[in-house]
Amino acid sequence: MPTSNLKDELNAVEVEPLLPIEKKLIGYSLGLGIVLLVVLIAVNHFVPIKL
């Protein structure tokens, strides 16, 4: 059984570019994640959990 080099296989694969809508979705997802993380940090700062 021949062993294949992963780097050679990755270089042989053609990469198709992202569509504009895919770029927008990635941007919106990252933006929403960052905004929600900031909101969570702010809520945790002003309303700490008391156990």
PDB file of N, CA and C in Angstrom:
ATOM      1  N   MET A   1       0.849  -1.175   0.000  1.00  0.00           N
ATOM      2  CA  MET A   1       0.000   0.000   0.000  1.00  0.00           C
ATOM      3  C   MET A   1       0.898   1.242   0.000  1.00  0.00           C
ATOM      4  N   PRO A   2       0.771   2.086  -1.018  1.00  0.00           N
ATOM      5  CA  PRO A   2       1.644   3.279  -1.072  1.00  0.00           C
ATOM      6  C   PRO A   2       1.193   4.322  -0.058  1.00  0.00           C
ATOM      7  N   THR A   3       2.161   4.965   0.546  1.00  0.00           N
ATOM      8  CA  THR A   3       1.843   6.037   1.485  1.00  0.00           C
ATOM      9  C   THR A   3       1.839   7.357   0.719  1.00  0.00           C
ATOM     10  N   SER A   4       0.828   8.170   0.965  1.00  0.00           N
ATOM     11  CA  SER A   4       0.728   9.452   0.263  1.00  0.00           C
ATOM     12  C   SER A   4       1.096  10.582   1.213  1.00  0.00           C
ATOM     13  N   ASN A   5       1.693  11.579   0.658  1.00  0.00           N
ATOM     14  CA  ASN A   5       2.103  12.734   1.427  1.00  0.00           C
ATOM     15  C   ASN A   5       0.930  13.712   1.489  1.00  0.00           C
ATOM     16  N   LEU A   6       0.545  14.092   2.694  1.00  0.00           N
ATOM     17  CA  LEU A   6      -0.606  14.979   2.876  1.00  0.00           C
ATOM     18  C   LEU A   6      -0.393  16.328   2.201  1.00  0.00           C
ATOM     19  N   LYS A   7       0.818  16.833   2.250  1.00  0.00           N
ATOM     20  CA  LYS A   7       1.093  18.134   1.630  1.00  0.00           C
ATOM     21  C   LYS A   7       0.892  18.071   0.116  1.00  0.00           C
ATOM     22  N   ASP A   8       1.317  16.964  -0.508  1.00  0.00           N
ATOM     23  CA  ASP A   8       1.120  16.818  -1.950  1.00  0.00           C
ATOM     24  C   ASP A   8      -0.362  16.735  -2.297  1.00  0.00           C
ATOM     25  N   GLU A   9      -1.131  16.033  -1.479  1.00  0.00           N
ATOM     26  CA  GLU A   9      -2.564  15.922  -1.736  1.00  0.00           C
ATOM     27  C   GLU A   9      -3.254  17.273  -1.582  1.00  0.00           C
ATOM     28  N   LEU A  10      -2.876  18.050  -0.551  1.00  0.00           N
ATOM     29  CA  LEU A  10      -3.499  19.355  -0.351  1.00  0.00           C
ATOM     30  C   LEU A  10      -3.143  20.325  -1.470  1.00  0.00           C
ATOM     31  N   ASN A  11      -1.928  20.233  -2.003  1.00  0.00           N
ATOM     32  CA  ASN A  11      -1.531  21.113  -3.099  1.00  0.00           C
ATOM     33  C   ASN A  11      -2.223  20.739  -4.398  1.00  0.00           C
ATOM     34  N   ALA A  12      -2.629  19.476  -4.542  1.00  0.00           N
ATOM     35  CA  ALA A  12      -3.260  19.021  -5.772  1.00  0.00           C
ATOM     36  C   ALA A  12      -4.741  19.393  -5.826  1.00  0.00           C
ATOM     37  N   VAL A  13      -5.342  19.704  -4.680  1.00  0.00           N
ATOM     38  CA  VAL A  13      -6.772  20.008  -4.642  1.00  0.00           C
ATOM     39  C   VAL A  13      -7.017  21.435  -5.109  1.00  0.00           C
ATOM     40  N   GLU A  14      -8.000  21.582  -6.001  1.00  0.00           N
ATOM     41  CA  GLU A  14      -8.369  22.926  -6.445  1.00  0.00           C
ATOM     42  C   GLU A  14      -9.321  23.541  -5.426  1.00  0.00           C
ATOM     43  N   VAL A  15      -9.057  24.781  -5.054  1.00  0.00           N
ATOM     44  CA  VAL A  15      -9.887  25.477  -4.073  1.00  0.00           C
ATOM     45  C   VAL A  15     -10.772  26.463  -4.814  1.00  0.00           C
ATOM     46  N   GLU A  16     -12.081  26.314  -4.613  1.00  0.00           N
ATOM     47  CA  GLU A  16     -12.975  27.263  -5.254  1.00  0.00           C
ATOM     48  C   GLU A  16     -13.192  28.453  -4.321  1.00  0.00           C
ATOM     49  N   PRO A  17     -13.250  29.657  -4.868  1.00  0.00           N
ATOM     50  CA  PRO A  17     -13.399  30.851  -4.019  1.00  0.00           C
ATOM     51  C   PRO A  17     -14.783  30.903  -3.370  1.00  0.00           C
ATOM     52  N   LEU A  18     -14.844  31.639  -2.278  1.00  0.00           N
ATOM     53  CA  LEU A  18     -16.123  31.807  -1.586  1.00  0.00           C
ATOM     54  C   LEU A  18     -17.026  32.738  -2.381  1.00  0.00           C
ATOM     55  N   LEU A  19     -18.305  32.427  -2.338  1.00  0.00           N
ATOM     56  CA  LEU A  19     -19.287  33.305  -2.970  1.00  0.00           C
ATOM     57  C   LEU A  19     -19.481  34.544  -2.104  1.00  0.00           C
ATOM     58  N   PRO A  20     -19.927  35.643  -2.698  1.00  0.00           N
ATOM     59  CA  PRO A  20     -20.147  36.864  -1.907  1.00  0.00           C
ATOM     60  C   PRO A  20     -21.117  36.656  -0.742  1.00  0.00           C
ATOM     61  N   ILE A  21     -22.168  35.858  -0.949  1.00  0.00           N
ATOM     62  CA  ILE A  21     -23.126  35.633   0.132  1.00  0.00           C
ATOM     63  C   ILE A  21     -22.473  34.834   1.257  1.00  0.00           C
ATOM     64  N   GLU A  22     -21.558  33.929   0.910  1.00  0.00           N
ATOM     65  CA  GLU A  22     -20.851  33.170   1.943  1.00  0.00           C
ATOM     66  C   GLU A  22     -19.937  34.080   2.758  1.00  0.00           C
ATOM     67  N   LYS A  23     -19.301  35.034   2.086  1.00  0.00           N
ATOM     68  CA  LYS A  23     -18.454  35.989   2.806  1.00  0.00           C
ATOM     69  C   LYS A  23     -19.290  36.843   3.758  1.00  0.00           C
ATOM     70  N   LYS A  24     -20.481  37.256   3.295  1.00  0.00           N
ATOM     71  CA  LYS A  24     -21.363  38.053   4.152  1.00  0.00           C
ATOM     72  C   LYS A  24     -21.806  37.243   5.363  1.00  0.00           C
ATOM     73  N   LEU A  25     -22.173  35.980   5.143  1.00  0.00           N
ATOM     74  CA  LEU A  25     -22.613  35.133   6.244  1.00  0.00           C
ATOM     75  C   LEU A  25     -21.504  34.920   7.268  1.00  0.00           C
ATOM     76  N   ILE A  26     -20.289  34.731   6.796  1.00  0.00           N
ATOM     77  CA  ILE A  26     -19.152  34.572   7.709  1.00  0.00           C
ATOM     78  C   ILE A  26     -18.952  35.852   8.505  1.00  0.00           C
ATOM     79  N   GLY A  27     -19.018  36.996   7.840  1.00  0.00           N
ATOM     80  CA  GLY A  27     -18.854  38.273   8.520  1.00  0.00           C
ATOM     81  C   GLY A  27     -19.942  38.533   9.552  1.00  0.00           C
ATOM     82  N   TYR A  28     -21.198  38.252   9.167  1.00  0.00           N
ATOM     83  CA  TYR A  28     -22.299  38.448  10.110  1.00  0.00           C
ATOM     84  C   TYR A  28     -22.173  37.512  11.307  1.00  0.00           C
ATOM     85  N   SER A  29     -21.766  36.279  11.066  1.00  0.00           N
ATOM     86  CA  SER A  29     -21.633  35.313  12.161  1.00  0.00           C
ATOM     87  C   SER A  29     -20.533  35.736  13.132  1.00  0.00           C
ATOM     88  N   LEU A  30     -19.396  36.165  12.593  1.00  0.00           N
ATOM     89  CA  LEU A  30     -18.305  36.625  13.457  1.00  0.00           C
ATOM     90  C   LEU A  30     -18.716  37.884  14.219  1.00  0.00           C
ATOM     91  N   GLY A  31     -19.356  38.812  13.527  1.00  0.00           N
ATOM     92  CA  GLY A  31     -19.800  40.045  14.179  1.00  0.00           C
ATOM     93  C   GLY A  31     -20.806  39.768  15.281  1.00  0.00           C
ATOM     94  N   LEU A  32     -21.779  38.923  15.012  1.00  0.00           N
ATOM     95  CA  LEU A  32     -22.781  38.584  16.013  1.00  0.00           C
ATOM     96  C   LEU A  32     -22.140  37.882  17.207  1.00  0.00           C
ATOM     97  N   GLY A  33     -21.200  36.994  16.951  1.00  0.00           N
ATOM     98  CA  GLY A  33     -20.515  36.304  18.042  1.00  0.00           C
ATOM     99  C   GLY A  33     -19.751  37.260  18.934  1.00  0.00           C
ATOM    100  N   ILE A  34     -19.056  38.208  18.325  1.00  0.00           N
ATOM    101  CA  ILE A  34     -18.285  39.178  19.108  1.00  0.00           C
ATOM    102  C   ILE A  34     -19.216  40.089  19.906  1.00  0.00           C
ATOM    103  N   VAL A  35     -20.302  40.544  19.270  1.00  0.00           N
ATOM    104  CA  VAL A  35     -21.264  41.406  19.974  1.00  0.00           C
ATOM    105  C   VAL A  35     -21.878  40.668  21.153  1.00  0.00           C
ATOM    106  N   LEU A  36     -22.293  39.427  20.962  1.00  0.00           N
ATOM    107  CA  LEU A  36     -22.889  38.662  22.054  1.00  0.00           C
ATOM    108  C   LEU A  36     -21.884  38.388  23.173  1.00  0.00           C
ATOM    109  N   LEU A  37     -20.636  38.185  22.811  1.00  0.00           N
ATOM    110  CA  LEU A  37     -19.600  37.987  23.829  1.00  0.00           C
ATOM    111  C   LEU A  37     -19.417  39.253  24.657  1.00  0.00           C
ATOM    112  N   VAL A  38     -19.421  40.419  24.020  1.00  0.00           N
ATOM    113  CA  VAL A  38     -19.300  41.689  24.745  1.00  0.00           C
ATOM    114  C   VAL A  38     -20.513  41.899  25.646  1.00  0.00           C
ATOM    115  N   VAL A  39     -21.710  41.579  25.151  1.00  0.00           N
ATOM    116  CA  VAL A  39     -22.914  41.701  25.971  1.00  0.00           C
ATOM    117  C   VAL A  39     -22.830  40.781  27.182  1.00  0.00           C
ATOM    118  N   LEU A  40     -22.386  39.559  26.988  1.00  0.00           N
ATOM    119  CA  LEU A  40     -22.244  38.621  28.096  1.00  0.00           C
ATOM    120  C   LEU A  40     -21.241  39.124  29.128  1.00  0.00           C
ATOM    121  N   ILE A  41     -20.136  39.678  28.683  1.00  0.00           N
ATOM    122  CA  ILE A  41     -19.130  40.217  29.607  1.00  0.00           C
ATOM    123  C   ILE A  41     -19.714  41.408  30.375  1.00  0.00           C
ATOM    124  N   ALA A  42     -20.462  42.275  29.686  1.00  0.00           N
ATOM    125  CA  ALA A  42     -21.055  43.440  30.350  1.00  0.00           C
ATOM    126  C   ALA A  42     -22.090  43.011  31.377  1.00  0.00           C
ATOM    127  N   VAL A  43     -22.942  42.070  31.027  1.00  0.00           N
ATOM    128  CA  VAL A  43     -23.959  41.593  31.971  1.00  0.00           C
ATOM    129  C   VAL A  43     -23.287  40.945  33.168  1.00  0.00           C
ATOM    130  N   ASN A  44     -22.252  40.154  32.928  1.00  0.00           N
ATOM    131  CA  ASN A  44     -21.540  39.505  34.024  1.00  0.00           C
ATOM    132  C   ASN A  44     -20.840  40.522  34.922  1.00  0.00           C
ATOM    133  N   HIS A  45     -20.405  41.639  34.339  1.00  0.00           N
ATOM    134  CA  HIS A  45     -19.725  42.664  35.126  1.00  0.00           C
ATOM    135  C   HIS A  45     -20.709  43.430  36.025  1.00  0.00           C
ATOM    136  N   PHE A  46     -21.870  43.769  35.468  1.00  0.00           N
ATOM    137  CA  PHE A  46     -22.831  44.587  36.221  1.00  0.00           C
ATOM    138  C   PHE A  46     -23.770  43.754  37.089  1.00  0.00           C
ATOM    139  N   VAL A  47     -23.997  42.496  36.745  1.00  0.00           N
ATOM    140  CA  VAL A  47     -24.868  41.631  37.528  1.00  0.00           C
ATOM    141  C   VAL A  47     -24.120  40.324  37.821  1.00  0.00           C
ATOM    142  N   PRO A  48     -23.194  40.367  38.776  1.00  0.00           N
ATOM    143  CA  PRO A  48     -22.414  39.148  39.040  1.00  0.00           C
ATOM    144  C   PRO A  48     -23.277  38.080  39.718  1.00  0.00           C
ATOM    145  N   ILE A  49     -22.908  36.836  39.477  1.00  0.00           N
ATOM    146  CA  ILE A  49     -23.634  35.719  40.065  1.00  0.00           C
ATOM    147  C   ILE A  49     -23.169  35.547  41.511  1.00  0.00           C
ATOM    148  N   LYS A  50     -24.127  35.514  42.418  1.00  0.00           N
ATOM    149  CA  LYS A  50     -23.806  35.346  43.833  1.00  0.00           C
ATOM    150  C   LYS A  50     -24.293  33.963  44.264  1.00  0.00           C
ATOM    151  N   LEU A  51     -23.356  33.131  44.671  1.00  0.00           N
ATOM    152  CA  LEU A  51     -23.722  31.780  45.120  1.00  0.00           C
ATOM    153  C   LEU A  51     -23.684  31.685  46.616  1.00  0.00           C
TER     154      LEU A  51
END
